Amino acid sequence: MTEIEFKLYQKKLGDRIKRLRIAKDLSRSQVAHVCGVEERLIADTENGKEDCYLDFLIVLTDCLEVGLSELMGFELD
């Protein structure tokens, strides 16, 4: 994966996280509180400005009540 492809994926992931958060009617502040992180991390992640580590993504799946594959945008056969 090139750096450009990675940045594009990061932005798509952020958009997906934001869409899921809004669908659950949660604010960035609420998600940050449940995840135990600063609100800035949620904002930067949604805006594609932050690298996401697996442990953080797993915490997000719990908060947003979705599977990791859905959060990451993977389709399982």
C-alpha atoms as a PDB file:
ATOM      1  CA  MET A   1       0.000   0.000   0.000  1.00  0.00           C
ATOM      2  CA  THR A   2       1.431   3.351  -0.982  1.00  0.00           C
ATOM      3  CA  GLU A   3       1.401   6.327   1.359  1.00  0.00           C
ATOM      4  CA  ILE A   4      -1.301   7.966  -0.755  1.00  0.00           C
ATOM      5  CA  GLU A   5      -3.468   4.830  -0.604  1.00  0.00           C
ATOM      6  CA  PHE A   6      -2.929   4.647   3.152  1.00  0.00           C
ATOM      7  CA  LYS A   7      -3.984   8.287   3.640  1.00  0.00           C
ATOM      8  CA  LEU A   8      -7.082   7.682   1.514  1.00  0.00           C
ATOM      9  CA  TYR A   9      -7.967   4.592   3.576  1.00  0.00           C
ATOM     10  CA  GLN A  10      -7.382   6.576   6.780  1.00  0.00           C
ATOM     11  CA  LYS A  11      -9.836   9.230   5.590  1.00  0.00           C
ATOM     12  CA  LYS A  12     -12.432   6.607   4.629  1.00  0.00           C
ATOM     13  CA  LEU A  13     -12.040   4.933   8.018  1.00  0.00           C
ATOM     14  CA  GLY A  14     -12.537   8.279   9.746  1.00  0.00           C
ATOM     15  CA  ASP A  15     -15.655   8.965   7.698  1.00  0.00           C
ATOM     16  CA  ARG A  16     -17.010   5.518   8.615  1.00  0.00           C
ATOM     17  CA  ILE A  17     -16.325   6.086  12.322  1.00  0.00           C
ATOM     18  CA  LYS A  18     -18.066   9.465  12.203  1.00  0.00           C
ATOM     19  CA  ARG A  19     -21.067   8.008  10.363  1.00  0.00           C
ATOM     20  CA  LEU A  20     -21.397   5.188  12.911  1.00  0.00           C
ATOM     21  CA  ARG A  21     -21.040   7.618  15.835  1.00  0.00           C
ATOM     22  CA  ILE A  22     -23.743   9.900  14.449  1.00  0.00           C
ATOM     23  CA  ALA A  23     -26.035   6.935  13.754  1.00  0.00           C
ATOM     24  CA  LYS A  24     -25.759   6.044  17.463  1.00  0.00           C
ATOM     25  CA  ASP A  25     -26.533   9.690  18.342  1.00  0.00           C
ATOM     26  CA  LEU A  26     -23.250  10.025  20.241  1.00  0.00           C
ATOM     27  CA  SER A  27     -21.100  13.124  20.521  1.00  0.00           C
ATOM     28  CA  ARG A  28     -17.338  13.007  20.129  1.00  0.00           C
ATOM     29  CA  SER A  29     -17.125  13.848  23.811  1.00  0.00           C
ATOM     30  CA  GLN A  30     -19.285  10.869  24.770  1.00  0.00           C
ATOM     31  CA  VAL A  31     -17.249   8.476  22.621  1.00  0.00           C
ATOM     32  CA  ALA A  32     -14.004   9.849  24.039  1.00  0.00           C
ATOM     33  CA  HIS A  33     -15.271   9.376  27.595  1.00  0.00           C
ATOM     34  CA  VAL A  34     -16.341   5.773  27.005  1.00  0.00           C
ATOM     35  CA  CYS A  35     -13.090   4.975  25.172  1.00  0.00           C
ATOM     36  CA  GLY A  36     -10.952   6.641  27.821  1.00  0.00           C
ATOM     37  CA  VAL A  37      -9.246   8.996  25.380  1.00  0.00           C
ATOM     38  CA  GLU A  38      -9.220  12.728  24.726  1.00  0.00           C
ATOM     39  CA  GLU A  39     -11.893  14.150  22.439  1.00  0.00           C
ATOM     40  CA  ARG A  40      -9.126  15.459  20.159  1.00  0.00           C
ATOM     41  CA  LEU A  41      -8.161  11.856  19.308  1.00  0.00           C
ATOM     42  CA  ILE A  42     -11.718  11.128  18.173  1.00  0.00           C
ATOM     43  CA  ALA A  43     -11.785  14.308  16.061  1.00  0.00           C
ATOM     44  CA  ASP A  44      -8.379  13.607  14.497  1.00  0.00           C
ATOM     45  CA  THR A  45      -9.356  10.008  13.783  1.00  0.00           C
ATOM     46  CA  GLU A  46     -12.619  11.056  12.122  1.00  0.00           C
ATOM     47  CA  ASN A  47     -10.723  13.604  10.032  1.00  0.00           C
ATOM     48  CA  GLY A  48      -8.147  11.040   8.888  1.00  0.00           C
ATOM     49  CA  LYS A  49      -5.325  12.800  10.717  1.00  0.00           C
ATOM     50  CA  GLU A  50      -4.514  10.085  13.241  1.00  0.00           C
ATOM     51  CA  ASP A  51      -3.095   6.600  12.801  1.00  0.00           C
ATOM     52  CA  CYS A  52      -5.389   4.090  14.466  1.00  0.00           C
ATOM     53  CA  TYR A  53      -3.940   1.305  16.553  1.00  0.00           C
ATOM     54  CA  LEU A  54      -5.761  -2.004  16.852  1.00  0.00           C
ATOM     55  CA  ASP A  55      -6.383  -1.659  20.591  1.00  0.00           C
ATOM     56  CA  PHE A  56      -8.062   1.716  20.016  1.00  0.00           C
ATOM     57  CA  LEU A  57     -10.160   0.321  17.168  1.00  0.00           C
ATOM     58  CA  ILE A  58     -11.326  -2.555  19.372  1.00  0.00           C
ATOM     59  CA  VAL A  59     -12.411  -0.092  22.066  1.00  0.00           C
ATOM     60  CA  LEU A  60     -14.262   1.896  19.387  1.00  0.00           C
ATOM     61  CA  THR A  61     -16.100  -1.243  18.207  1.00  0.00           C
ATOM     62  CA  ASP A  62     -17.374  -1.769  21.747  1.00  0.00           C
ATOM     63  CA  CYS A  63     -18.471   1.856  22.067  1.00  0.00           C
ATOM     64  CA  LEU A  64     -20.169   1.949  18.667  1.00  0.00           C
ATOM     65  CA  GLU A  65     -21.547  -1.593  19.029  1.00  0.00           C
ATOM     66  CA  VAL A  66     -20.200  -2.822  15.686  1.00  0.00           C
ATOM     67  CA  GLY A  67     -17.830  -5.564  14.634  1.00  0.00           C
ATOM     68  CA  LEU A  68     -14.237  -4.810  13.697  1.00  0.00           C
ATOM     69  CA  SER A  69     -14.856  -5.847  10.090  1.00  0.00           C
ATOM     70  CA  GLU A  70     -17.741  -3.362   9.821  1.00  0.00           C
ATOM     71  CA  LEU A  71     -15.677  -0.593  11.380  1.00  0.00           C
ATOM     72  CA  MET A  72     -12.769  -1.280   9.031  1.00  0.00           C
ATOM     73  CA  GLY A  73     -15.026  -1.608   5.999  1.00  0.00           C
ATOM     74  CA  PHE A  74     -14.229  -5.238   5.228  1.00  0.00           C
ATOM     75  CA  GLU A  75     -16.819  -7.578   3.830  1.00  0.00           C
ATOM     76  CA  LEU A  76     -16.692 -11.143   5.093  1.00  0.00           C
ATOM     77  CA  ASP A  77     -17.788 -14.024   2.887  1.00  0.00           C
END
